[in-house]
Amino acid sequence: MAVTALVARARLGVWGVRAMQVRGFSSEESSSVHSGAGSVRDAGGAFGKREQAEEERYFRAKTREQLAALKKHHEDEIVHHKKEVERLQKEIQRHKDTIKRLRSHDD
């Protein structure tokens, strides 16, 4: 048990472990809860449709945010790699210049 708790803490971080502790590690707790109790969406009607629309809107916005963050991350990576290429090209040129100087020195 202690080992699995350490592994869970390492993988999920503090908040993930706290959520698992509250929720529990087994699915036994979920079987005692009635599956349709209190669900507005399952009841149907205008409130169910409204809740479904709000959920879909939320997830579309969340997906849009995630895609924007991913795009920014990739753009940052591109800028970083371009700078790295420039640095390495300067390094190559410096080595070529050194070789030229050494060859001219030998003559």
PDB file of N, CA and C in Angstrom:
ATOM      1  N   MET A   1       0.830  -1.196   0.000  1.00  0.00           N
ATOM      2  CA  MET A   1       0.000   0.000   0.000  1.00  0.00           C
ATOM      3  C   MET A   1       0.862   1.243   0.000  1.00  0.00           C
ATOM      4  N   ALA A   2       1.917   1.247   0.814  1.00  0.00           N
ATOM      5  CA  ALA A   2       2.784   2.420   0.891  1.00  0.00           C
ATOM      6  C   ALA A   2       3.489   2.657  -0.428  1.00  0.00           C
ATOM      7  N   VAL A   3       3.887   1.574  -1.100  1.00  0.00           N
ATOM      8  CA  VAL A   3       4.573   1.703  -2.383  1.00  0.00           C
ATOM      9  C   VAL A   3       3.615   2.261  -3.431  1.00  0.00           C
ATOM     10  N   THR A   4       2.388   1.750  -3.474  1.00  0.00           N
ATOM     11  CA  THR A   4       1.439   2.258  -4.468  1.00  0.00           C
ATOM     12  C   THR A   4       1.080   3.713  -4.202  1.00  0.00           C
ATOM     13  N   ALA A   5       1.034   4.107  -2.938  1.00  0.00           N
ATOM     14  CA  ALA A   5       0.760   5.510  -2.622  1.00  0.00           C
ATOM     15  C   ALA A   5       1.908   6.389  -3.091  1.00  0.00           C
ATOM     16  N   LEU A   6       3.143   5.925  -2.932  1.00  0.00           N
ATOM     17  CA  LEU A   6       4.301   6.696  -3.396  1.00  0.00           C
ATOM     18  C   LEU A   6       4.302   6.809  -4.915  1.00  0.00           C
ATOM     19  N   VAL A   7       3.984   5.711  -5.582  1.00  0.00           N
ATOM     20  CA  VAL A   7       3.931   5.736  -7.048  1.00  0.00           C
ATOM     21  C   VAL A   7       2.837   6.682  -7.514  1.00  0.00           C
ATOM     22  N   ALA A   8       1.685   6.616  -6.874  1.00  0.00           N
ATOM     23  CA  ALA A   8       0.578   7.509  -7.238  1.00  0.00           C
ATOM     24  C   ALA A   8       0.954   8.952  -6.995  1.00  0.00           C
ATOM     25  N   ARG A   9       1.607   9.232  -5.880  1.00  0.00           N
ATOM     26  CA  ARG A   9       2.010  10.606  -5.570  1.00  0.00           C
ATOM     27  C   ARG A   9       3.021  11.106  -6.588  1.00  0.00           C
ATOM     28  N   ALA A  10       3.944  10.236  -7.008  1.00  0.00           N
ATOM     29  CA  ALA A  10       4.954  10.632  -7.985  1.00  0.00           C
ATOM     30  C   ALA A  10       4.322  10.900  -9.343  1.00  0.00           C
ATOM     31  N   ARG A  11       3.348  10.099  -9.726  1.00  0.00           N
ATOM     32  CA  ARG A  11       2.725  10.261 -11.040  1.00  0.00           C
ATOM     33  C   ARG A  11       1.716  11.392 -11.086  1.00  0.00           C
ATOM     34  N   LEU A  12       0.931  11.536 -10.060  1.00  0.00           N
ATOM     35  CA  LEU A  12      -0.173  12.479 -10.102  1.00  0.00           C
ATOM     36  C   LEU A  12       0.089  13.791  -9.390  1.00  0.00           C
ATOM     37  N   GLY A  13       1.118  13.855  -8.591  1.00  0.00           N
ATOM     38  CA  GLY A  13       1.353  15.056  -7.815  1.00  0.00           C
ATOM     39  C   GLY A  13       0.450  15.072  -6.599  1.00  0.00           C
ATOM     40  N   VAL A  14       0.569  16.096  -5.811  1.00  0.00           N
ATOM     41  CA  VAL A  14      -0.163  16.175  -4.555  1.00  0.00           C
ATOM     42  C   VAL A  14      -1.661  16.218  -4.774  1.00  0.00           C
ATOM     43  N   TRP A  15      -2.136  17.028  -5.731  1.00  0.00           N
ATOM     44  CA  TRP A  15      -3.578  17.184  -5.917  1.00  0.00           C
ATOM     45  C   TRP A  15      -4.205  15.909  -6.448  1.00  0.00           C
ATOM     46  N   GLY A  16      -3.502  15.213  -7.323  1.00  0.00           N
ATOM     47  CA  GLY A  16      -4.037  13.968  -7.848  1.00  0.00           C
ATOM     48  C   GLY A  16      -4.194  12.921  -6.764  1.00  0.00           C
ATOM     49  N   VAL A  17      -3.230  12.857  -5.857  1.00  0.00           N
ATOM     50  CA  VAL A  17      -3.305  11.901  -4.756  1.00  0.00           C
ATOM     51  C   VAL A  17      -4.461  12.258  -3.839  1.00  0.00           C
ATOM     52  N   ARG A  18      -4.621  13.542  -3.553  1.00  0.00           N
ATOM     53  CA  ARG A  18      -5.731  13.957  -2.691  1.00  0.00           C
ATOM     54  C   ARG A  18      -7.064  13.578  -3.330  1.00  0.00           C
ATOM     55  N   ALA A  19      -7.171  13.749  -4.632  1.00  0.00           N
ATOM     56  CA  ALA A  19      -8.413  13.377  -5.310  1.00  0.00           C
ATOM     57  C   ALA A  19      -8.641  11.880  -5.223  1.00  0.00           C
ATOM     58  N   MET A  20      -7.566  11.104  -5.361  1.00  0.00           N
ATOM     59  CA  MET A  20      -7.699   9.653  -5.268  1.00  0.00           C
ATOM     60  C   MET A  20      -8.070   9.236  -3.850  1.00  0.00           C
ATOM     61  N   GLN A  21      -7.522   9.937  -2.849  1.00  0.00           N
ATOM     62  CA  GLN A  21      -7.837   9.597  -1.472  1.00  0.00           C
ATOM     63  C   GLN A  21      -9.311   9.871  -1.183  1.00  0.00           C
ATOM     64  N   VAL A  22      -9.817  10.978  -1.699  1.00  0.00           N
ATOM     65  CA  VAL A  22     -11.212  11.321  -1.485  1.00  0.00           C
ATOM     66  C   VAL A  22     -12.097  10.330  -2.234  1.00  0.00           C
ATOM     67  N   ARG A  23     -11.716  10.037  -3.463  1.00  0.00           N
ATOM     68  CA  ARG A  23     -12.516   9.172  -4.297  1.00  0.00           C
ATOM     69  C   ARG A  23     -12.333   7.705  -3.947  1.00  0.00           C
ATOM     70  N   GLY A  24     -11.148   7.331  -3.519  1.00  0.00           N
ATOM     71  CA  GLY A  24     -10.863   5.940  -3.194  1.00  0.00           C
ATOM     72  C   GLY A  24     -10.231   5.228  -4.372  1.00  0.00           C
ATOM     73  N   PHE A  25      -9.596   4.116  -4.101  1.00  0.00           N
ATOM     74  CA  PHE A  25      -8.899   3.374  -5.139  1.00  0.00           C
ATOM     75  C   PHE A  25      -9.785   2.324  -5.802  1.00  0.00           C
ATOM     76  N   SER A  26     -10.886   1.979  -5.213  1.00  0.00           N
ATOM     77  CA  SER A  26     -11.717   0.928  -5.787  1.00  0.00           C
ATOM     78  C   SER A  26     -13.010   1.514  -6.331  1.00  0.00           C
ATOM     79  N   SER A  27     -13.707   0.708  -7.095  1.00  0.00           N
ATOM     80  CA  SER A  27     -14.968   1.154  -7.677  1.00  0.00           C
ATOM     81  C   SER A  27     -16.158   0.693  -6.846  1.00  0.00           C
ATOM     82  N   GLU A  28     -15.920   0.176  -5.649  1.00  0.00           N
ATOM     83  CA  GLU A  28     -16.997  -0.322  -4.806  1.00  0.00           C
ATOM     84  C   GLU A  28     -17.940   0.806  -4.378  1.00  0.00           C
ATOM     85  N   GLU A  29     -17.385   1.995  -4.166  1.00  0.00           N
ATOM     86  CA  GLU A  29     -18.197   3.118  -3.701  1.00  0.00           C
ATOM     87  C   GLU A  29     -19.210   3.536  -4.749  1.00  0.00           C
ATOM     88  N   SER A  30     -18.822   3.449  -6.014  1.00  0.00           N
ATOM     89  CA  SER A  30     -19.705   3.906  -7.081  1.00  0.00           C
ATOM     90  C   SER A  30     -20.911   2.990  -7.253  1.00  0.00           C
ATOM     91  N   SER A  31     -20.786   1.726  -6.860  1.00  0.00           N
ATOM     92  CA  SER A  31     -21.904   0.807  -7.034  1.00  0.00           C
ATOM     93  C   SER A  31     -23.030   1.095  -6.046  1.00  0.00           C
ATOM     94  N   SER A  32     -22.720   1.762  -4.927  1.00  0.00           N
ATOM     95  CA  SER A  32     -23.746   2.042  -3.934  1.00  0.00           C
ATOM     96  C   SER A  32     -24.578   3.274  -4.289  1.00  0.00           C
ATOM     97  N   VAL A  33     -24.129   4.081  -5.250  1.00  0.00           N
ATOM     98  CA  VAL A  33     -24.833   5.289  -5.647  1.00  0.00           C
ATOM     99  C   VAL A  33     -25.778   4.957  -6.794  1.00  0.00           C
ATOM    100  N   HIS A  34     -27.014   5.441  -6.694  1.00  0.00           N
ATOM    101  CA  HIS A  34     -27.986   5.223  -7.764  1.00  0.00           C
ATOM    102  C   HIS A  34     -27.531   5.991  -8.993  1.00  0.00           C
ATOM    103  N   SER A  35     -27.501   5.329 -10.153  1.00  0.00           N
ATOM    104  CA  SER A  35     -26.912   5.922 -11.350  1.00  0.00           C
ATOM    105  C   SER A  35     -27.687   7.133 -11.859  1.00  0.00           C
ATOM    106  N   GLY A  36     -28.986   7.225 -11.655  1.00  0.00           N
ATOM    107  CA  GLY A  36     -29.749   8.328 -12.208  1.00  0.00           C
ATOM    108  C   GLY A  36     -30.159   9.362 -11.181  1.00  0.00           C
ATOM    109  N   ALA A  37     -29.654   9.252  -9.981  1.00  0.00           N
ATOM    110  CA  ALA A  37     -30.090  10.151  -8.912  1.00  0.00           C
ATOM    111  C   ALA A  37     -29.564  11.557  -9.138  1.00  0.00           C
ATOM    112  N   GLY A  38     -30.460  12.515  -9.276  1.00  0.00           N
ATOM    113  CA  GLY A  38     -30.091  13.921  -9.327  1.00  0.00           C
ATOM    114  C   GLY A  38     -29.562  14.409 -10.651  1.00  0.00           C
ATOM    115  N   SER A  39     -29.654  13.655 -11.693  1.00  0.00           N
ATOM    116  CA  SER A  39     -29.097  14.066 -12.969  1.00  0.00           C
ATOM    117  C   SER A  39     -30.126  14.871 -13.756  1.00  0.00           C
ATOM    118  N   VAL A  40     -29.864  16.142 -13.900  1.00  0.00           N
ATOM    119  CA  VAL A  40     -30.768  17.028 -14.645  1.00  0.00           C
ATOM    120  C   VAL A  40     -30.752  16.661 -16.113  1.00  0.00           C
ATOM    121  N   ARG A  41     -29.578  16.337 -16.618  1.00  0.00           N
ATOM    122  CA  ARG A  41     -29.449  16.040 -18.035  1.00  0.00           C
ATOM    123  C   ARG A  41     -30.248  14.796 -18.429  1.00  0.00           C
ATOM    124  N   ASP A  42     -30.207  13.779 -17.554  1.00  0.00           N
ATOM    125  CA  ASP A  42     -30.946  12.553 -17.850  1.00  0.00           C
ATOM    126  C   ASP A  42     -32.448  12.754 -17.768  1.00  0.00           C
ATOM    127  N   ALA A  43     -32.886  13.740 -17.011  1.00  0.00           N
ATOM    128  CA  ALA A  43     -34.314  13.988 -16.860  1.00  0.00           C
ATOM    129  C   ALA A  43     -34.927  14.512 -18.149  1.00  0.00           C
ATOM    130  N   GLY A  44     -34.084  15.108 -18.984  1.00  0.00           N
ATOM    131  CA  GLY A  44     -34.571  15.619 -20.266  1.00  0.00           C
ATOM    132  C   GLY A  44     -35.214  16.980 -20.102  1.00  0.00           C
ATOM    133  N   GLY A  45     -35.943  17.408 -21.098  1.00  0.00           N
ATOM    134  CA  GLY A  45     -36.614  18.691 -21.044  1.00  0.00           C
ATOM    135  C   GLY A  45     -35.671  19.835 -21.357  1.00  0.00           C
ATOM    136  N   ALA A  46     -36.144  21.048 -21.120  1.00  0.00           N
ATOM    137  CA  ALA A  46     -35.391  22.255 -21.458  1.00  0.00           C
ATOM    138  C   ALA A  46     -34.124  22.376 -20.626  1.00  0.00           C
ATOM    139  N   PHE A  47     -34.199  22.003 -19.342  1.00  0.00           N
ATOM    140  CA  PHE A  47     -33.010  22.112 -18.501  1.00  0.00           C
ATOM    141  C   PHE A  47     -31.926  21.136 -18.941  1.00  0.00           C
ATOM    142  N   GLY A  48     -32.322  19.945 -19.324  1.00  0.00           N
ATOM    143  CA  GLY A  48     -31.363  18.951 -19.806  1.00  0.00           C
ATOM    144  C   GLY A  48     -30.686  19.403 -21.080  1.00  0.00           C
ATOM    145  N   LYS A  49     -31.477  19.959 -22.002  1.00  0.00           N
ATOM    146  CA  LYS A  49     -30.906  20.457 -23.253  1.00  0.00           C
ATOM    147  C   LYS A  49     -29.968  21.628 -22.998  1.00  0.00           C
ATOM    148  N   ARG A  50     -30.369  22.501 -22.077  1.00  0.00           N
ATOM    149  CA  ARG A  50     -29.530  23.662 -21.756  1.00  0.00           C
ATOM    150  C   ARG A  50     -28.210  23.211 -21.132  1.00  0.00           C
ATOM    151  N   GLU A  51     -28.289  22.244 -20.225  1.00  0.00           N
ATOM    152  CA  GLU A  51     -27.068  21.749 -19.592  1.00  0.00           C
ATOM    153  C   GLU A  51     -26.147  21.095 -20.614  1.00  0.00           C
ATOM    154  N   GLN A  52     -26.730  20.325 -21.529  1.00  0.00           N
ATOM    155  CA  GLN A  52     -25.939  19.688 -22.566  1.00  0.00           C
ATOM    156  C   GLN A  52     -25.259  20.744 -23.445  1.00  0.00           C
ATOM    157  N   ALA A  53     -25.982  21.789 -23.810  1.00  0.00           N
ATOM    158  CA  ALA A  53     -25.411  22.858 -24.633  1.00  0.00           C
ATOM    159  C   ALA A  53     -24.287  23.572 -23.894  1.00  0.00           C
ATOM    160  N   GLU A  54     -24.484  23.827 -22.597  1.00  0.00           N
ATOM    161  CA  GLU A  54     -23.445  24.485 -21.812  1.00  0.00           C
ATOM    162  C   GLU A  54     -22.212  23.611 -21.682  1.00  0.00           C
ATOM    163  N   GLU A  55     -22.389  22.307 -21.510  1.00  0.00           N
ATOM    164  CA  GLU A  55     -21.251  21.386 -21.441  1.00  0.00           C
ATOM    165  C   GLU A  55     -20.479  21.390 -22.746  1.00  0.00           C
ATOM    166  N   GLU A  56     -21.205  21.308 -23.852  1.00  0.00           N
ATOM    167  CA  GLU A  56     -20.552  21.299 -25.160  1.00  0.00           C
ATOM    168  C   GLU A  56     -19.799  22.602 -25.400  1.00  0.00           C
ATOM    169  N   ARG A  57     -20.416  23.726 -25.017  1.00  0.00           N
ATOM    170  CA  ARG A  57     -19.764  25.028 -25.164  1.00  0.00           C
ATOM    171  C   ARG A  57     -18.485  25.075 -24.326  1.00  0.00           C
ATOM    172  N   TYR A  58     -18.569  24.577 -23.111  1.00  0.00           N
ATOM    173  CA  TYR A  58     -17.401  24.560 -22.213  1.00  0.00           C
ATOM    174  C   TYR A  58     -16.271  23.736 -22.821  1.00  0.00           C
ATOM    175  N   PHE A  59     -16.594  22.539 -23.319  1.00  0.00           N
ATOM    176  CA  PHE A  59     -15.552  21.674 -23.856  1.00  0.00           C
ATOM    177  C   PHE A  59     -14.982  22.205 -25.164  1.00  0.00           C
ATOM    178  N   ARG A  60     -15.813  22.867 -25.969  1.00  0.00           N
ATOM    179  CA  ARG A  60     -15.272  23.499 -27.182  1.00  0.00           C
ATOM    180  C   ARG A  60     -14.305  24.608 -26.808  1.00  0.00           C
ATOM    181  N   ALA A  61     -14.661  25.430 -25.815  1.00  0.00           N
ATOM    182  CA  ALA A  61     -13.771  26.510 -25.369  1.00  0.00           C
ATOM    183  C   ALA A  61     -12.488  25.929 -24.781  1.00  0.00           C
ATOM    184  N   LYS A  62     -12.612  24.863 -23.998  1.00  0.00           N
ATOM    185  CA  LYS A  62     -11.440  24.230 -23.402  1.00  0.00           C
ATOM    186  C   LYS A  62     -10.524  23.666 -24.488  1.00  0.00           C
ATOM    187  N   THR A  63     -11.110  23.036 -25.494  1.00  0.00           N
ATOM    188  CA  THR A  63     -10.330  22.498 -26.608  1.00  0.00           C
ATOM    189  C   THR A  63      -9.634  23.614 -27.360  1.00  0.00           C
ATOM    190  N   ARG A  64     -10.350  24.734 -27.560  1.00  0.00           N
ATOM    191  CA  ARG A  64      -9.760  25.885 -28.245  1.00  0.00           C
ATOM    192  C   ARG A  64      -8.557  26.420 -27.460  1.00  0.00           C
ATOM    193  N   GLU A  65      -8.703  26.511 -26.133  1.00  0.00           N
ATOM    194  CA  GLU A  65      -7.594  26.970 -25.282  1.00  0.00           C
ATOM    195  C   GLU A  65      -6.412  26.027 -25.373  1.00  0.00           C
ATOM    196  N   GLN A  66      -6.674  24.729 -25.338  1.00  0.00           N
ATOM    197  CA  GLN A  66      -5.599  23.750 -25.401  1.00  0.00           C
ATOM    198  C   GLN A  66      -4.882  23.810 -26.741  1.00  0.00           C
ATOM    199  N   LEU A  67      -5.643  23.954 -27.816  1.00  0.00           N
ATOM    200  CA  LEU A  67      -5.018  24.055 -29.139  1.00  0.00           C
ATOM    201  C   LEU A  67      -4.185  25.326 -29.268  1.00  0.00           C
ATOM    202  N   ALA A  68      -4.676  26.426 -28.709  1.00  0.00           N
ATOM    203  CA  ALA A  68      -3.911  27.676 -28.750  1.00  0.00           C
ATOM    204  C   ALA A  68      -2.615  27.529 -27.956  1.00  0.00           C
ATOM    205  N   ALA A  69      -2.687  26.877 -26.803  1.00  0.00           N
ATOM    206  CA  ALA A  69      -1.485  26.663 -25.995  1.00  0.00           C
ATOM    207  C   ALA A  69      -0.501  25.748 -26.721  1.00  0.00           C
ATOM    208  N   LEU A  70      -1.022  24.720 -27.378  1.00  0.00           N
ATOM    209  CA  LEU A  70      -0.163  23.806 -28.133  1.00  0.00           C
ATOM    210  C   LEU A  70       0.498  24.524 -29.307  1.00  0.00           C
ATOM    211  N   LYS A  71      -0.272  25.365 -29.989  1.00  0.00           N
ATOM    212  CA  LYS A  71       0.270  26.133 -31.119  1.00  0.00           C
ATOM    213  C   LYS A  71       1.377  27.069 -30.635  1.00  0.00           C
ATOM    214  N   LYS A  72       1.148  27.759 -29.524  1.00  0.00           N
ATOM    215  CA  LYS A  72       2.162  28.658 -28.980  1.00  0.00           C
ATOM    216  C   LYS A  72       3.412  27.886 -28.577  1.00  0.00           C
ATOM    217  N   HIS A  73       3.222  26.722 -27.985  1.00  0.00           N
ATOM    218  CA  HIS A  73       4.360  25.898 -27.585  1.00  0.00           C
ATOM    219  C   HIS A  73       5.202  25.517 -28.805  1.00  0.00           C
ATOM    220  N   HIS A  74       4.529  25.113 -29.890  1.00  0.00           N
ATOM    221  CA  HIS A  74       5.259  24.725 -31.095  1.00  0.00           C
ATOM    222  C   HIS A  74       5.945  25.933 -31.746  1.00  0.00           C
ATOM    223  N   GLU A  75       5.296  27.086 -31.712  1.00  0.00           N
ATOM    224  CA  GLU A  75       5.929  28.288 -32.251  1.00  0.00           C
ATOM    225  C   GLU A  75       7.172  28.642 -31.441  1.00  0.00           C
ATOM    226  N   ASP A  76       7.086  28.523 -30.122  1.00  0.00           N
ATOM    227  CA  ASP A  76       8.246  28.769 -29.268  1.00  0.00           C
ATOM    228  C   ASP A  76       9.369  27.784 -29.567  1.00  0.00           C
ATOM    229  N   GLU A  77       9.009  26.534 -29.794  1.00  0.00           N
ATOM    230  CA  GLU A  77      10.000  25.513 -30.133  1.00  0.00           C
ATOM    231  C   GLU A  77      10.684  25.858 -31.456  1.00  0.00           C
ATOM    232  N   ILE A  78       9.909  26.327 -32.432  1.00  0.00           N
ATOM    233  CA  ILE A  78      10.482  26.696 -33.730  1.00  0.00           C
ATOM    234  C   ILE A  78      11.481  27.831 -33.560  1.00  0.00           C
ATOM    235  N   VAL A  79      11.104  28.850 -32.799  1.00  0.00           N
ATOM    236  CA  VAL A  79      12.009  29.982 -32.560  1.00  0.00           C
ATOM    237  C   VAL A  79      13.282  29.488 -31.876  1.00  0.00           C
ATOM    238  N   HIS A  80      13.123  28.637 -30.885  1.00  0.00           N
ATOM    239  CA  HIS A  80      14.286  28.105 -30.169  1.00  0.00           C
ATOM    240  C   HIS A  80      15.215  27.348 -31.116  1.00  0.00           C
ATOM    241  N   HIS A  81      14.648  26.500 -31.969  1.00  0.00           N
ATOM    242  CA  HIS A  81      15.469  25.700 -32.879  1.00  0.00           C
ATOM    243  C   HIS A  81      16.133  26.568 -33.942  1.00  0.00           C
ATOM    244  N   LYS A  82      15.445  27.617 -34.386  1.00  0.00           N
ATOM    245  CA  LYS A  82      16.076  28.526 -35.344  1.00  0.00           C
ATOM    246  C   LYS A  82      17.285  29.217 -34.713  1.00  0.00           C
ATOM    247  N   LYS A  83      17.146  29.642 -33.473  1.00  0.00           N
ATOM    248  CA  LYS A  83      18.278  30.262 -32.772  1.00  0.00           C
ATOM    249  C   LYS A  83      19.415  29.261 -32.599  1.00  0.00           C
ATOM    250  N   GLU A  84      19.060  28.024 -32.306  1.00  0.00           N
ATOM    251  CA  GLU A  84      20.082  26.991 -32.141  1.00  0.00           C
ATOM    252  C   GLU A  84      20.805  26.732 -33.454  1.00  0.00           C
ATOM    253  N   VAL A  85      20.067  26.724 -34.578  1.00  0.00           N
ATOM    254  CA  VAL A  85      20.678  26.537 -35.893  1.00  0.00           C
ATOM    255  C   VAL A  85      21.637  27.690 -36.180  1.00  0.00           C
ATOM    256  N   GLU A  86      21.228  28.918 -35.899  1.00  0.00           N
ATOM    257  CA  GLU A  86      22.099  30.081 -36.113  1.00  0.00           C
ATOM    258  C   GLU A  86      23.367  29.973 -35.269  1.00  0.00           C
ATOM    259  N   ARG A  87      23.217  29.565 -34.017  1.00  0.00           N
ATOM    260  CA  ARG A  87      24.371  29.415 -33.138  1.00  0.00           C
ATOM    261  C   ARG A  87      25.326  28.362 -33.682  1.00  0.00           C
ATOM    262  N   LEU A  88      24.789  27.253 -34.148  1.00  0.00           N
ATOM    263  CA  LEU A  88      25.637  26.182 -34.667  1.00  0.00           C
ATOM    264  C   LEU A  88      26.297  26.583 -35.984  1.00  0.00           C
ATOM    265  N   GLN A  89      25.594  27.356 -36.819  1.00  0.00           N
ATOM    266  CA  GLN A  89      26.200  27.833 -38.060  1.00  0.00           C
ATOM    267  C   GLN A  89      27.375  28.771 -37.765  1.00  0.00           C
ATOM    268  N   LYS A  90      27.218  29.625 -36.763  1.00  0.00           N
ATOM    269  CA  LYS A  90      28.330  30.494 -36.360  1.00  0.00           C
ATOM    270  C   LYS A  90      29.497  29.661 -35.837  1.00  0.00           C
ATOM    271  N   GLU A  91      29.184  28.618 -35.108  1.00  0.00           N
ATOM    272  CA  GLU A  91      30.223  27.728 -34.584  1.00  0.00           C
ATOM    273  C   GLU A  91      30.969  27.042 -35.726  1.00  0.00           C
ATOM    274  N   ILE A  92      30.228  26.585 -36.728  1.00  0.00           N
ATOM    275  CA  ILE A  92      30.842  25.953 -37.899  1.00  0.00           C
ATOM    276  C   ILE A  92      31.743  26.948 -38.614  1.00  0.00           C
ATOM    277  N   GLN A  93      31.239  28.165 -38.802  1.00  0.00           N
ATOM    278  CA  GLN A  93      32.049  29.186 -39.480  1.00  0.00           C
ATOM    279  C   GLN A  93      33.311  29.500 -38.685  1.00  0.00           C
ATOM    280  N   ARG A  94      33.203  29.557 -37.377  1.00  0.00           N
ATOM    281  CA  ARG A  94      34.371  29.815 -36.534  1.00  0.00           C
ATOM    282  C   ARG A  94      35.413  28.708 -36.711  1.00  0.00           C
ATOM    283  N   HIS A  95      34.951  27.457 -36.767  1.00  0.00           N
ATOM    284  CA  HIS A  95      35.888  26.344 -36.968  1.00  0.00           C
ATOM    285  C   HIS A  95      36.521  26.397 -38.355  1.00  0.00           C
ATOM    286  N   LYS A  96      35.742  26.755 -39.364  1.00  0.00           N
ATOM    287  CA  LYS A  96      36.294  26.877 -40.716  1.00  0.00           C
ATOM    288  C   LYS A  96      37.359  27.966 -40.769  1.00  0.00           C
ATOM    289  N   ASP A  97      37.086  29.091 -40.110  1.00  0.00           N
ATOM    290  CA  ASP A  97      38.068  30.176 -40.071  1.00  0.00           C
ATOM    291  C   ASP A  97      39.342  29.734 -39.365  1.00  0.00           C
ATOM    292  N   THR A  98      39.185  28.980 -38.303  1.00  0.00           N
ATOM    293  CA  THR A  98      40.352  28.472 -37.575  1.00  0.00           C
ATOM    294  C   THR A  98      41.167  27.547 -38.468  1.00  0.00           C
ATOM    295  N   ILE A  99      40.506  26.692 -39.214  1.00  0.00           N
ATOM    296  CA  ILE A  99      41.211  25.776 -40.132  1.00  0.00           C
ATOM    297  C   ILE A  99      41.939  26.570 -41.201  1.00  0.00           C
ATOM    298  N   LYS A 100      41.307  27.619 -41.750  1.00  0.00           N
ATOM    299  CA  LYS A 100      41.956  28.461 -42.767  1.00  0.00           C
ATOM    300  C   LYS A 100      43.216  29.113 -42.200  1.00  0.00           C
ATOM    301  N   ARG A 101      43.103  29.650 -40.988  1.00  0.00           N
ATOM    302  CA  ARG A 101      44.261  30.291 -40.357  1.00  0.00           C
ATOM    303  C   ARG A 101      45.388  29.288 -40.130  1.00  0.00           C
ATOM    304  N   LEU A 102      45.039  28.090 -39.722  1.00  0.00           N
ATOM    305  CA  LEU A 102      46.068  27.077 -39.478  1.00  0.00           C
ATOM    306  C   LEU A 102      46.731  26.648 -40.785  1.00  0.00           C
ATOM    307  N   ARG A 103      45.964  26.536 -41.852  1.00  0.00           N
ATOM    308  CA  ARG A 103      46.530  26.166 -43.156  1.00  0.00           C
ATOM    309  C   ARG A 103      47.452  27.269 -43.695  1.00  0.00           C
ATOM    310  N   SER A 104      46.996  28.511 -43.530  1.00  0.00           N
ATOM    311  CA  SER A 104      47.823  29.624 -44.007  1.00  0.00           C
ATOM    312  C   SER A 104      49.080  29.778 -43.149  1.00  0.00           C
ATOM    313  N   HIS A 105      49.005  29.407 -41.925  1.00  0.00           N
ATOM    314  CA  HIS A 105      50.139  29.472 -41.009  1.00  0.00           C
ATOM    315  C   HIS A 105      51.194  28.432 -41.380  1.00  0.00           C
ATOM    316  N   ASP A 106      50.728  27.259 -41.860  1.00  0.00           N
ATOM    317  CA  ASP A 106      51.633  26.170 -42.235  1.00  0.00           C
ATOM    318  C   ASP A 106      52.403  26.515 -43.487  1.00  0.00           C
ATOM    319  N   ASP A 107      51.854  27.324 -44.372  1.00  0.00           N
ATOM    320  CA  ASP A 107      52.515  27.662 -45.650  1.00  0.00           C
ATOM    321  C   ASP A 107      53.647  28.544 -45.458  1.00  0.00           C
TER     322      ASP A 107
END
